[in-house]
Amino acid sequence: MAVIHKKVWKEYFAEILTGRKRFELRLADFEVHEGDTLVLEEWDQETQTYTGRSKEVVVTYALKTKDLNFWPQSDIDTYGYQVIQFG
């Protein structure tokens, strides 16, 4: 299993810490699999520095969208995507 470090902007990191946000929407420019550990590191985009706070989470599900063709490209261009959390 891999350990993967990722920046998280402060406002999203706060939601992760409270447990309200339990997902990440990321560009699929790295490999991630169920069982991997994400080390989420709080990033202050104003100062362009890490705050020193981090949280480790285990990946329980990863959905790759590159080859999914659920909607026509014109609809995606018009509406975009939304991620819906439930649980």
Protein backbone atom coordinates (compact mmCIF):
# COMPACT_ATOMS: atom_id res chain seq x y z
CA MET A 1 0.00 0.00 0.00
CA ALA A 2 1.21 3.48 -0.88
CA VAL A 3 1.44 6.60 1.28
CA ILE A 4 0.52 9.67 -0.76
CA HIS A 5 0.94 13.28 0.42
CA LYS A 6 -1.50 15.91 -0.88
CA LYS A 7 -2.11 19.60 -0.20
CA VAL A 8 -5.56 20.61 1.00
CA TRP A 9 -6.67 24.24 1.15
CA LYS A 10 -7.48 25.50 4.64
CA GLU A 11 -11.26 25.78 4.23
CA TYR A 12 -11.51 22.19 2.98
CA PHE A 13 -9.06 20.88 5.56
CA ALA A 14 -11.26 22.28 8.35
CA GLU A 15 -14.24 20.37 6.92
CA ILE A 16 -12.17 17.17 6.80
CA LEU A 17 -11.12 17.58 10.44
CA THR A 18 -14.74 17.93 11.60
CA GLY A 19 -15.71 14.83 9.61
CA ARG A 20 -18.17 16.77 7.46
CA LYS A 21 -16.10 16.26 4.29
CA ARG A 22 -15.10 12.65 3.63
CA PHE A 23 -14.08 12.78 -0.02
CA GLU A 24 -11.50 14.39 -2.29
CA LEU A 25 -12.02 15.48 -5.87
CA ARG A 26 -8.62 15.35 -7.58
CA LEU A 27 -7.11 15.41 -11.01
CA ALA A 28 -6.17 11.80 -11.72
CA ASP A 29 -2.51 12.65 -12.33
CA PHE A 30 -1.30 10.12 -9.74
CA GLU A 31 -2.04 6.49 -8.89
CA VAL A 32 -4.25 5.80 -5.89
CA HIS A 33 -5.91 2.56 -4.85
CA GLU A 34 -8.15 1.25 -2.11
CA GLY A 35 -6.07 0.69 1.01
CA ASP A 36 -3.58 3.47 0.24
CA THR A 37 -3.01 6.14 2.88
CA LEU A 38 -3.50 9.79 2.01
CA VAL A 39 -1.61 12.26 4.15
CA LEU A 40 -3.68 15.40 3.75
CA GLU A 41 -1.59 18.46 4.58
CA GLU A 42 -3.22 21.81 5.23
CA TRP A 43 -2.07 24.48 2.74
CA ASP A 44 -2.52 28.22 3.16
CA GLN A 45 -3.01 29.50 -0.38
CA GLU A 46 -2.56 33.15 0.73
CA THR A 47 0.94 32.59 2.15
CA GLN A 48 1.73 29.64 -0.15
CA THR A 49 2.93 27.60 2.84
CA TYR A 50 1.93 24.49 4.75
CA THR A 51 0.38 25.22 8.16
CA GLY A 52 1.92 22.15 9.79
CA ARG A 53 -1.41 20.40 10.33
CA SER A 54 -2.09 17.08 8.61
CA LYS A 55 -4.48 14.17 8.75
CA GLU A 56 -3.97 10.61 7.55
CA VAL A 57 -6.92 8.84 5.95
CA VAL A 58 -7.24 5.43 4.31
CA VAL A 59 -8.69 5.26 0.80
CA THR A 60 -11.81 3.10 0.83
CA TYR A 61 -12.97 3.79 -2.75
CA ALA A 62 -11.51 5.54 -5.80
CA LEU A 63 -13.59 6.28 -8.89
CA LYS A 64 -11.69 7.06 -12.10
CA THR A 65 -13.70 9.07 -14.63
CA LYS A 66 -11.49 9.24 -17.71
CA ASP A 67 -13.18 6.38 -19.55
CA LEU A 68 -16.72 6.95 -18.24
CA ASN A 69 -19.22 8.18 -20.79
CA PHE A 70 -22.31 8.90 -18.71
CA TRP A 71 -23.18 12.24 -20.32
CA PRO A 72 -22.60 14.02 -23.62
CA GLN A 73 -19.63 16.42 -23.57
CA SER A 74 -22.01 19.33 -24.30
CA ASP A 75 -23.87 18.64 -21.03
CA ILE A 76 -20.61 18.45 -19.10
CA ASP A 77 -19.50 21.75 -20.63
CA THR A 78 -22.82 23.35 -19.66
CA TYR A 79 -23.28 21.96 -16.16
CA GLY A 80 -19.95 20.53 -14.99
CA TYR A 81 -19.78 17.82 -12.35
CA GLN A 82 -20.88 17.74 -8.76
CA VAL A 83 -19.72 15.31 -6.10
CA ILE A 84 -22.39 14.14 -3.68
CA GLN A 85 -21.41 12.65 -0.35
CA PHE A 86 -23.70 10.37 1.59
CA GLY A 87 -23.33 8.09 4.51
